[in-house]
């Protein structure tokens, strides 16, 4: 191990923490440097960003069509190209749907509701530009968190906290902090990479992806502003933290998450030993010393600048060409169903008696918002606009943030990842999170109002 390895661990990990986990004040509250860079990139690209996204989605579709239909040697000889374009029939259809939808929305063709600002326009003009730039910076800079020992350092340090509470290894604490301070999609990307690299089992990756990929503080501010309760942000976010913490204690211990196998991505079932080796025991600060040494070893494996940027470019390409079409297809269809049909209202109808039992004002109106968040997390706050009761709007806003999984962003990224969570399981988890968090949030709301 090089003498410079400990220094590399400290310097590059600190840069990663600064970029992804350091809150900085902005006009609307707090954000992280990567989000600021993302916003700057959107400003620089301006109106060009939508056609770029359309082109990327069409490259994804046409590349898949060519690979599946003709298997040209030029594509087939490269493992990265094969992994990108040689997908199943289902994902080929998803990319086809995304390609068609982007053209219809961008050129404002077909039914008007398709390119409505709150339907297809919500995805192509609002969410996807954000994801496009987030994917760019996350793809290039996440190795600073992953490859230079930060996770190895915290793995042993926080295992005694994460294991008994959430049945997870200590390194997962970095995933959750990155999501909380930055963006839920970044947390999913980080978790997926850790799963593919063999650091999480199927169960651990599924738990982290569906339990800790929380929305950022900045987005929470947008939600509470939409329901016109900005003056109650501290009470609101405190409620979200309490409900989210209790939900995170319960979810890993019940199906379907508890049914996931503790098998790694490569198929091995031997769980990693998280205990401190015998050589360190009895020494002062044994866990810290062991973590630091493991971190330095990890940093020593990453000395090539070319490899760093090559890996980053592949990650960005994978996110742009594999994940973006999934978000466009599933997100747009889900929002169309939410906005143009009464489907989610019907699904929410059984909640009316439950809300009435818990003495929630305007229970019928509130029930219509409870499941619509599966399409997009912002929709419950929009649907709550006509509700007069501040208490009910507070409950709707709090539940929408603790539900976590929504198809227009985090859910779409999860589906496109290697994390083993199916669409059906995702909806069941979403429903479970709703049922667990709702009584907690209502109870707190009764104390506040």
Protein backbone atom coordinates (compact mmCIF):
# COMPACT_ATOMS: atom_id res chain seq x y z
CA UNK A 1 0.00 0.00 0.00
CA UNK A 2 1.37 3.40 -1.02
CA UNK A 3 2.20 5.98 1.65
CA UNK A 4 -0.07 8.33 -0.29
CA UNK A 5 -3.10 6.03 0.07
CA UNK A 6 -4.27 7.44 3.46
CA UNK A 7 -3.92 10.95 2.03
CA UNK A 8 -5.89 9.93 -1.10
CA UNK A 9 -8.64 8.51 1.13
CA UNK A 10 -8.90 11.70 3.15
CA UNK A 11 -8.63 14.20 0.28
CA UNK A 12 -10.90 12.53 -2.31
CA UNK A 13 -13.47 11.39 0.27
CA UNK A 14 -13.67 14.93 1.65
CA UNK A 15 -14.24 16.24 -1.88
CA UNK A 16 -17.02 13.66 -2.31
CA UNK A 17 -18.60 14.62 1.01
CA UNK A 18 -18.36 18.29 0.06
CA UNK A 19 -20.09 17.68 -3.28
CA UNK A 20 -22.83 15.29 -2.18
CA UNK A 21 -23.38 15.72 1.55
CA UNK A 22 -22.63 19.31 2.50
CA UNK A 23 -25.74 21.49 2.75
CA UNK A 24 -25.28 25.03 1.48
CA UNK A 25 -27.79 27.87 1.82
CA UNK A 26 -29.64 29.00 -1.32
CA UNK A 27 -32.58 31.30 -1.95
CA UNK A 28 -35.18 28.54 -1.42
CA UNK A 29 -33.52 26.92 1.61
CA UNK A 30 -30.64 24.45 1.50
CA UNK A 31 -29.16 22.25 -1.21
CA UNK A 32 -25.87 20.50 -2.04
CA UNK A 33 -23.10 21.56 -4.46
CA UNK A 34 -23.96 18.82 -6.99
CA UNK A 35 -27.52 20.18 -7.17
CA UNK A 36 -26.13 23.69 -7.72
CA UNK A 37 -23.95 22.38 -10.56
CA UNK A 38 -27.00 20.61 -11.97
CA UNK A 39 -28.99 23.85 -11.96
CA UNK A 40 -26.11 25.72 -13.59
CA UNK A 41 -25.88 23.13 -16.34
CA UNK A 42 -29.61 23.45 -16.98
CA UNK A 43 -29.25 27.23 -17.21
CA UNK A 44 -26.34 26.93 -19.66
CA UNK A 45 -28.13 24.43 -21.89
CA UNK A 46 -31.43 26.30 -21.69
CA UNK A 47 -33.99 25.27 -24.32
CA UNK A 48 -31.49 22.87 -25.91
CA UNK A 49 -31.88 20.36 -23.07
CA UNK A 50 -35.26 18.96 -24.23
CA UNK A 51 -34.09 18.07 -27.79
CA UNK A 52 -30.94 16.52 -26.29
CA UNK A 53 -33.13 14.29 -24.10
CA UNK A 54 -35.30 13.37 -27.10
CA UNK A 55 -32.17 12.42 -29.08
CA UNK A 56 -30.79 10.32 -26.19
CA UNK A 57 -34.04 8.40 -25.80
CA UNK A 58 -34.12 7.74 -29.54
CA UNK A 59 -30.48 6.59 -29.48
CA UNK A 60 -31.47 4.18 -26.71
CA UNK A 61 -34.39 2.83 -28.76
CA UNK A 62 -32.58 2.65 -32.13
CA UNK A 63 -29.47 1.13 -30.54
CA UNK A 64 -31.65 -1.57 -28.97
CA UNK A 65 -33.51 -2.15 -32.27
CA UNK A 66 -30.23 -2.55 -34.18
CA UNK A 67 -28.64 -4.74 -31.50
CA UNK A 68 -31.67 -7.02 -31.12
CA UNK A 69 -32.47 -7.16 -34.84
CA UNK A 70 -29.07 -7.33 -36.52
CA UNK A 71 -26.44 -7.88 -33.78
CA UNK A 72 -23.75 -5.94 -35.69
CA UNK A 73 -20.18 -6.86 -34.81
CA UNK A 74 -19.34 -3.21 -34.14
CA UNK A 75 -21.74 -3.24 -31.17
CA UNK A 76 -21.52 -6.89 -30.19
CA UNK A 77 -17.77 -6.87 -29.55
CA UNK A 78 -18.03 -4.22 -26.84
CA UNK A 79 -19.31 -5.45 -23.48
CA UNK A 80 -20.57 -1.98 -22.49
CA UNK A 81 -22.62 -1.65 -25.71
CA UNK A 82 -24.05 -5.15 -25.26
CA UNK A 83 -25.09 -4.46 -21.68
CA UNK A 84 -26.66 -1.17 -22.77
CA UNK A 85 -28.63 -2.32 -25.82
CA UNK A 86 -29.06 -6.10 -25.49
CA UNK A 87 -32.14 -5.98 -23.27
CA UNK A 88 -35.27 -8.13 -22.92
CA UNK A 89 -38.38 -7.67 -25.07
CA UNK A 90 -40.14 -5.90 -22.17
CA UNK A 91 -37.46 -3.21 -21.88
CA UNK A 92 -37.35 -2.89 -25.67
CA UNK A 93 -41.08 -2.07 -25.62
CA UNK A 94 -40.50 0.42 -22.77
CA UNK A 95 -37.84 2.20 -24.85
CA UNK A 96 -40.18 2.21 -27.87
CA UNK A 97 -42.98 3.75 -25.79
CA UNK A 98 -40.56 6.36 -24.39
CA UNK A 99 -39.32 7.25 -27.89
CA UNK A 100 -42.87 7.73 -29.20
CA UNK A 101 -43.93 9.75 -26.16
CA UNK A 102 -40.96 12.12 -26.36
CA UNK A 103 -41.77 12.97 -29.99
CA UNK A 104 -45.47 13.49 -29.24
CA UNK A 105 -44.75 15.68 -26.23
CA UNK A 106 -41.88 17.68 -27.73
CA UNK A 107 -43.67 18.45 -31.01
CA UNK A 108 -47.09 18.74 -29.28
CA UNK A 109 -48.69 16.03 -31.40
CA UNK A 110 -51.64 13.77 -30.60
CA UNK A 111 -54.12 14.33 -27.75
CA UNK A 112 -53.59 17.66 -25.95
CA UNK A 113 -53.37 16.02 -22.53
CA UNK A 114 -50.16 14.25 -23.61
CA UNK A 115 -48.15 17.47 -23.77
CA UNK A 116 -50.02 19.20 -20.96
CA UNK A 117 -47.55 20.93 -18.54
CA UNK A 118 -48.79 18.66 -15.73
CA UNK A 119 -48.58 15.40 -17.74
CA UNK A 120 -46.02 14.76 -20.51
CA UNK A 121 -44.70 18.28 -20.07
CA UNK A 122 -44.05 17.55 -16.40
CA UNK A 123 -41.66 14.78 -17.42
CA UNK A 124 -39.96 16.22 -20.49
CA UNK A 125 -39.80 19.88 -19.45
CA UNK A 126 -39.34 19.57 -15.69
CA UNK A 127 -38.23 16.23 -14.23
CA UNK A 128 -36.06 14.82 -17.02
CA UNK A 129 -33.91 17.95 -17.45
CA UNK A 130 -33.16 17.75 -13.71
CA UNK A 131 -32.37 14.04 -13.95
CA UNK A 132 -30.26 14.61 -17.08
CA UNK A 133 -27.93 17.01 -15.29
CA UNK A 134 -28.00 15.13 -11.96
CA UNK A 135 -27.04 11.94 -13.82
CA UNK A 136 -24.12 13.75 -15.45
CA UNK A 137 -22.55 14.97 -12.22
CA UNK A 138 -23.49 11.89 -10.19
CA UNK A 139 -21.97 9.61 -12.81
CA UNK A 140 -18.63 11.41 -12.78
CA UNK A 141 -18.36 12.34 -9.11
CA UNK A 142 -19.96 9.43 -7.21
CA UNK A 143 -16.66 7.46 -7.42
CA UNK A 144 -15.31 10.00 -4.94
CA UNK A 145 -17.74 8.53 -2.39
CA UNK A 146 -17.47 4.95 -3.63
CA UNK A 147 -13.88 4.28 -4.64
CA UNK A 148 -11.62 6.02 -2.14
CA UNK A 149 -12.52 4.29 1.11
CA UNK A 150 -15.29 6.41 2.64
CA UNK A 151 -17.76 3.51 2.71
CA UNK A 152 -15.12 1.12 4.03
CA UNK A 153 -14.35 3.58 6.85
CA UNK A 154 -17.99 3.87 7.95
CA UNK A 155 -18.80 0.20 7.33
CA UNK A 156 -17.39 -1.00 10.63
CA UNK A 157 -17.96 2.27 12.45
CA UNK A 158 -21.76 2.33 12.03
CA UNK A 159 -22.60 -1.37 11.66
CA UNK A 160 -23.54 -1.57 15.34
CA UNK A 161 -26.13 1.15 14.66
CA UNK A 162 -27.44 0.17 11.22
CA UNK A 163 -27.63 -3.61 11.79
CA UNK A 164 -29.84 -3.71 14.90
CA UNK A 165 -32.03 -0.82 13.76
CA UNK A 166 -32.42 -1.39 10.02
CA UNK A 167 -30.78 -4.83 9.37
CA UNK A 168 -28.22 -3.10 7.12
CA UNK A 169 -24.42 -2.77 6.97
CA UNK A 170 -22.79 0.41 8.27
CA UNK A 171 -21.80 1.62 4.79
CA UNK A 172 -25.50 2.10 3.95
CA UNK A 173 -25.49 5.17 6.22
CA UNK A 174 -23.71 7.08 3.43
CA UNK A 175 -26.47 6.15 0.96
CA UNK A 176 -29.18 7.46 3.25
CA UNK A 177 -27.33 10.69 4.06
CA UNK A 178 -26.66 11.33 0.36
CA UNK A 179 -30.38 10.92 -0.40
CA UNK A 180 -31.54 13.03 2.54
CA UNK A 181 -29.23 15.95 1.90
CA UNK A 182 -29.19 15.74 -1.87
CA UNK A 183 -31.53 13.73 -4.04
CA UNK A 184 -33.31 10.37 -3.81
CA UNK A 185 -32.24 9.37 -7.31
CA UNK A 186 -28.57 9.87 -6.38
CA UNK A 187 -29.15 7.49 -3.46
CA UNK A 188 -30.62 4.87 -5.80
CA UNK A 189 -27.69 5.25 -8.23
CA UNK A 190 -25.20 4.88 -5.37
CA UNK A 191 -27.04 1.84 -3.96
CA UNK A 192 -27.26 0.16 -7.37
CA UNK A 193 -23.53 0.63 -7.94
CA UNK A 194 -22.75 -0.82 -4.52
CA UNK A 195 -25.04 -3.77 -5.24
CA UNK A 196 -23.41 -4.47 -8.62
CA UNK A 197 -19.97 -4.25 -7.00
CA UNK A 198 -20.91 -6.91 -4.46
CA UNK A 199 -21.20 -4.83 -1.29
CA UNK A 200 -24.95 -5.32 -0.71
CA UNK A 201 -27.10 -8.43 -0.90
CA UNK A 202 -30.39 -8.47 -2.82
CA UNK A 203 -32.31 -7.82 0.39
CA UNK A 204 -30.02 -5.02 1.55
CA UNK A 205 -30.11 -3.25 -1.82
CA UNK A 206 -33.91 -3.53 -1.99
CA UNK A 207 -34.30 -2.21 1.56
CA UNK A 208 -31.97 0.74 1.00
CA UNK A 209 -33.47 1.61 -2.40
CA UNK A 210 -37.06 1.64 -1.14
CA UNK A 211 -36.54 2.84 2.43
CA UNK A 212 -33.72 5.37 2.43
CA UNK A 213 -33.98 7.07 -0.98
CA UNK A 214 -35.74 10.02 0.62
CA UNK A 215 -36.47 13.31 -1.10
CA UNK A 216 -34.21 16.22 -0.40
CA UNK A 217 -34.90 18.99 2.09
CA UNK A 218 -35.22 21.37 -0.86
CA UNK A 219 -38.03 19.35 -2.43
CA UNK A 220 -39.75 19.08 0.95
CA UNK A 221 -39.77 22.89 1.03
CA UNK A 222 -41.48 22.93 -2.38
CA UNK A 223 -44.15 20.49 -1.18
CA UNK A 224 -45.00 22.42 1.99
CA UNK A 225 -45.11 25.66 -0.01
CA UNK A 226 -47.57 24.10 -2.48
CA UNK A 227 -50.04 23.39 0.37
CA UNK A 228 -49.46 26.93 1.70
CA UNK A 229 -48.02 25.91 5.07
CA UNK A 230 -44.48 27.31 4.77
CA UNK A 231 -44.73 28.72 8.30
CA UNK A 232 -44.93 25.13 9.60
CA UNK A 233 -41.88 23.73 7.81
CA UNK A 234 -40.03 22.70 11.00
CA UNK A 235 -43.10 20.88 12.35
CA UNK A 236 -43.67 19.33 8.92
CA UNK A 237 -40.11 18.09 8.45
CA UNK A 238 -39.92 16.90 12.04
CA UNK A 239 -43.07 14.86 11.41
CA UNK A 240 -41.55 13.41 8.23
CA UNK A 241 -38.38 12.39 10.08
CA UNK A 242 -40.32 10.68 12.91
CA UNK A 243 -42.68 8.86 10.54
CA UNK A 244 -39.83 7.95 8.18
CA UNK A 245 -37.68 6.60 11.02
CA UNK A 246 -40.44 4.38 12.42
CA UNK A 247 -41.32 3.17 8.92
CA UNK A 248 -37.64 2.34 8.28
CA UNK A 249 -37.58 0.22 11.44
CA UNK A 250 -40.61 -1.80 10.32
CA UNK A 251 -40.28 -2.18 6.54
CA UNK A 252 -37.15 -4.41 6.43
CA UNK A 253 -38.83 -6.84 8.85
CA UNK A 254 -42.03 -7.50 6.87
CA UNK A 255 -42.69 -8.98 3.39
CA UNK A 256 -41.94 -8.38 0.59
CA UNK A 257 -38.61 -6.89 1.71
CA UNK A 258 -38.02 -9.51 4.41
CA UNK A 259 -38.51 -12.23 1.76
CA UNK A 260 -35.62 -10.97 -0.35
CA UNK A 261 -32.61 -13.27 -0.30
CA UNK A 262 -29.29 -12.37 1.28
CA UNK A 263 -27.49 -13.24 -1.94
CA UNK A 264 -24.98 -10.96 -3.64
CA UNK A 265 -25.13 -9.82 -7.25
CA UNK A 266 -22.70 -12.57 -8.35
CA UNK A 267 -24.85 -15.27 -6.72
CA UNK A 268 -22.72 -15.91 -3.62
CA UNK A 269 -24.56 -16.35 -0.34
CA UNK A 270 -21.74 -16.07 2.18
CA UNK A 271 -22.39 -12.85 4.10
CA UNK A 272 -19.43 -10.54 4.61
CA UNK A 273 -17.84 -10.56 8.07
CA UNK A 274 -18.36 -7.10 9.55
CA UNK A 275 -16.55 -7.74 12.80
CA UNK A 276 -13.20 -6.14 13.65
CA UNK A 277 -10.33 -8.63 12.99
CA UNK A 278 -8.51 -10.16 15.94
CA UNK A 279 -5.36 -8.13 15.22
CA UNK A 280 -7.20 -4.89 16.07
CA UNK A 281 -9.04 -6.06 19.16
CA UNK A 282 -7.87 -4.69 22.48
CA UNK A 283 -6.36 -1.60 20.89
CA UNK A 284 -7.77 1.82 21.60
CA UNK A 285 -10.15 3.04 18.89
CA UNK A 286 -9.96 -0.41 17.29
CA UNK A 287 -12.99 0.16 14.99
CA UNK A 288 -11.64 3.51 13.80
CA UNK A 289 -8.16 2.11 13.16
CA UNK A 290 -9.55 -0.86 11.24
CA UNK A 291 -11.87 1.37 9.21
CA UNK A 292 -9.04 3.76 8.36
CA UNK A 293 -6.75 0.94 7.22
CA UNK A 294 -9.49 -0.60 5.06
CA UNK A 295 -10.22 2.82 3.58
CA UNK A 296 -6.55 3.35 2.72
CA UNK A 297 -6.41 -0.06 1.01
CA UNK A 298 -9.45 0.84 -1.06
CA UNK A 299 -7.94 4.21 -2.02
CA UNK A 300 -4.73 2.46 -3.12
CA UNK A 301 -6.73 0.52 -5.75
CA UNK A 302 -7.76 3.76 -7.51
CA UNK A 303 -4.71 5.62 -8.73
CA UNK A 304 -5.54 5.90 -12.45
CA UNK A 305 -7.03 9.22 -13.57
CA UNK A 306 -7.95 7.70 -16.95
CA UNK A 307 -9.82 4.80 -15.28
CA UNK A 308 -11.67 7.29 -13.05
CA UNK A 309 -13.02 9.28 -16.00
CA UNK A 310 -13.62 6.19 -18.17
CA UNK A 311 -15.77 4.66 -15.45
CA UNK A 312 -17.55 7.98 -14.98
CA UNK A 313 -18.32 8.30 -18.69
CA UNK A 314 -19.73 4.75 -18.79
CA UNK A 315 -21.89 5.44 -15.74
CA UNK A 316 -23.25 8.65 -17.28
CA UNK A 317 -23.95 6.85 -20.59
CA UNK A 318 -25.75 4.05 -18.77
CA UNK A 319 -27.90 6.49 -16.80
CA UNK A 320 -28.74 8.62 -19.84
CA UNK A 321 -29.52 5.75 -22.22
CA UNK A 322 -30.92 3.08 -19.89
CA UNK A 323 -32.65 4.98 -17.09
CA UNK A 324 -34.04 8.08 -18.85
CA UNK A 325 -36.38 6.12 -21.21
CA UNK A 326 -37.80 4.15 -18.26
CA UNK A 327 -38.58 7.31 -16.31
CA UNK A 328 -40.19 8.89 -19.40
CA UNK A 329 -42.34 5.86 -20.21
CA UNK A 330 -43.51 4.84 -16.73
CA UNK A 331 -43.69 8.40 -15.42
CA UNK A 332 -45.77 9.77 -18.29
CA UNK A 333 -48.21 6.84 -18.29
CA UNK A 334 -48.61 7.04 -14.51
CA UNK A 335 -49.23 10.80 -14.57
CA UNK A 336 -51.73 10.42 -17.44
CA UNK A 337 -53.66 7.88 -15.36
CA UNK A 338 -53.52 10.15 -12.32
CA UNK A 339 -54.56 13.33 -14.14
CA UNK A 340 -56.99 12.03 -16.75
CA UNK A 341 -58.81 9.21 -14.94
CA UNK A 342 -60.38 8.54 -11.56
CA UNK A 343 -58.23 5.42 -11.06
CA UNK A 344 -56.30 6.66 -8.02
CA UNK A 345 -59.48 8.17 -6.56
CA UNK A 346 -61.09 4.72 -6.71
CA UNK A 347 -57.99 3.17 -5.14
CA UNK A 348 -58.09 5.75 -2.36
CA UNK A 349 -61.80 5.23 -1.58
CA UNK A 350 -61.18 2.48 1.04
CA UNK A 351 -59.15 5.03 3.04
CA UNK A 352 -62.24 7.22 3.64
CA UNK A 353 -63.53 5.19 6.66
CA UNK A 354 -59.99 5.02 8.07
CA UNK A 355 -59.52 8.77 7.79
CA UNK A 356 -62.96 9.38 9.31
CA UNK A 357 -62.08 7.03 12.18
CA UNK A 358 -58.94 9.10 12.79
CA UNK A 359 -61.03 12.30 12.72
CA UNK A 360 -59.32 13.80 9.66
CA UNK A 361 -61.35 16.73 8.26
CA UNK A 362 -62.50 16.44 4.62
CA UNK A 363 -61.72 12.71 4.65
CA UNK A 364 -63.22 12.00 1.20
CA UNK A 365 -61.12 14.70 -0.47
CA UNK A 366 -58.01 13.59 1.41
CA UNK A 367 -58.44 9.94 0.41
CA UNK A 368 -58.19 10.87 -3.28
CA UNK A 369 -54.63 12.16 -2.68
CA UNK A 370 -53.21 9.24 -0.72
CA UNK A 371 -52.28 6.92 -3.58
CA UNK A 372 -51.86 9.39 -6.42
CA UNK A 373 -48.32 9.99 -5.15
CA UNK A 374 -47.31 6.64 -6.67
CA UNK A 375 -47.44 8.41 -10.05
CA UNK A 376 -45.57 11.53 -8.91
CA UNK A 377 -44.74 12.78 -5.42
CA UNK A 378 -45.84 16.33 -6.19
CA UNK A 379 -49.37 15.34 -7.29
CA UNK A 380 -50.85 14.93 -3.76
CA UNK A 381 -49.84 18.52 -2.94
CA UNK A 382 -51.43 19.73 -6.20
CA UNK A 383 -54.62 17.73 -5.58
CA UNK A 384 -54.80 19.18 -2.05
CA UNK A 385 -55.20 22.73 -3.39
CA UNK A 386 -59.00 22.77 -2.90
CA UNK A 387 -58.94 21.43 0.67
CA UNK A 388 -59.72 24.09 3.28
CA UNK A 389 -58.47 22.31 6.42
CA UNK A 390 -54.85 23.17 7.24
CA UNK A 391 -54.58 20.00 9.27
CA UNK A 392 -55.62 17.86 6.29
CA UNK A 393 -53.22 19.64 3.94
CA UNK A 394 -50.45 19.11 6.51
CA UNK A 395 -51.23 15.38 6.64
CA UNK A 396 -51.30 15.06 2.84
CA UNK A 397 -47.96 16.85 2.46
CA UNK A 398 -46.30 14.75 5.18
CA UNK A 399 -47.60 11.43 3.83
CA UNK A 400 -46.55 12.27 0.27
CA UNK A 401 -42.93 12.79 1.37
CA UNK A 402 -42.75 9.64 3.53
CA UNK A 403 -44.17 7.43 0.75
CA UNK A 404 -40.81 7.84 -1.09
CA UNK A 405 -41.51 5.72 -4.19
CA UNK A 406 -42.98 7.53 -7.20
CA UNK A 407 -42.79 6.35 -10.79
CA UNK A 408 -41.95 9.68 -12.38
CA UNK A 409 -38.52 9.71 -10.73
CA UNK A 410 -37.23 7.43 -7.93
CA UNK A 411 -39.53 4.53 -8.92
CA UNK A 412 -38.48 4.77 -12.55
CA UNK A 413 -34.80 4.82 -11.61
CA UNK A 414 -35.34 1.79 -9.35
CA UNK A 415 -37.06 -0.15 -12.14
CA UNK A 416 -34.21 0.64 -14.53
CA UNK A 417 -31.55 -0.39 -11.99
CA UNK A 418 -30.30 -3.88 -11.15
CA UNK A 419 -31.85 -3.64 -7.67
CA UNK A 420 -34.31 -6.59 -7.45
CA UNK A 421 -37.62 -4.75 -6.94
CA UNK A 422 -40.46 -5.46 -9.37
CA UNK A 423 -43.25 -3.06 -10.28
CA UNK A 424 -45.77 -5.06 -8.20
CA UNK A 425 -43.49 -5.22 -5.18
CA UNK A 426 -42.85 -1.51 -5.51
CA UNK A 427 -46.57 -0.72 -5.31
CA UNK A 428 -47.01 -3.03 -2.30
CA UNK A 429 -44.10 -1.29 -0.53
CA UNK A 430 -45.61 2.10 -1.41
CA UNK A 431 -48.95 0.98 0.09
CA UNK A 432 -47.25 -0.38 3.22
CA UNK A 433 -45.37 2.86 3.75
CA UNK A 434 -48.66 4.74 3.45
CA UNK A 435 -50.46 2.52 5.97
CA UNK A 436 -47.59 2.65 8.49
CA UNK A 437 -46.85 6.37 8.28
CA UNK A 438 -50.46 7.64 8.05
CA UNK A 439 -51.50 6.95 11.70
CA UNK A 440 -48.21 8.41 12.98
CA UNK A 441 -48.62 11.58 10.93
CA UNK A 442 -52.31 11.96 11.82
CA UNK A 443 -51.48 11.55 15.52
CA UNK A 444 -48.83 14.29 15.34
CA UNK A 445 -51.19 16.50 13.33
CA UNK A 446 -53.83 16.23 16.07
CA UNK A 447 -51.23 17.46 18.56
CA UNK A 448 -50.26 20.41 16.35
CA UNK A 449 -53.71 21.61 15.25
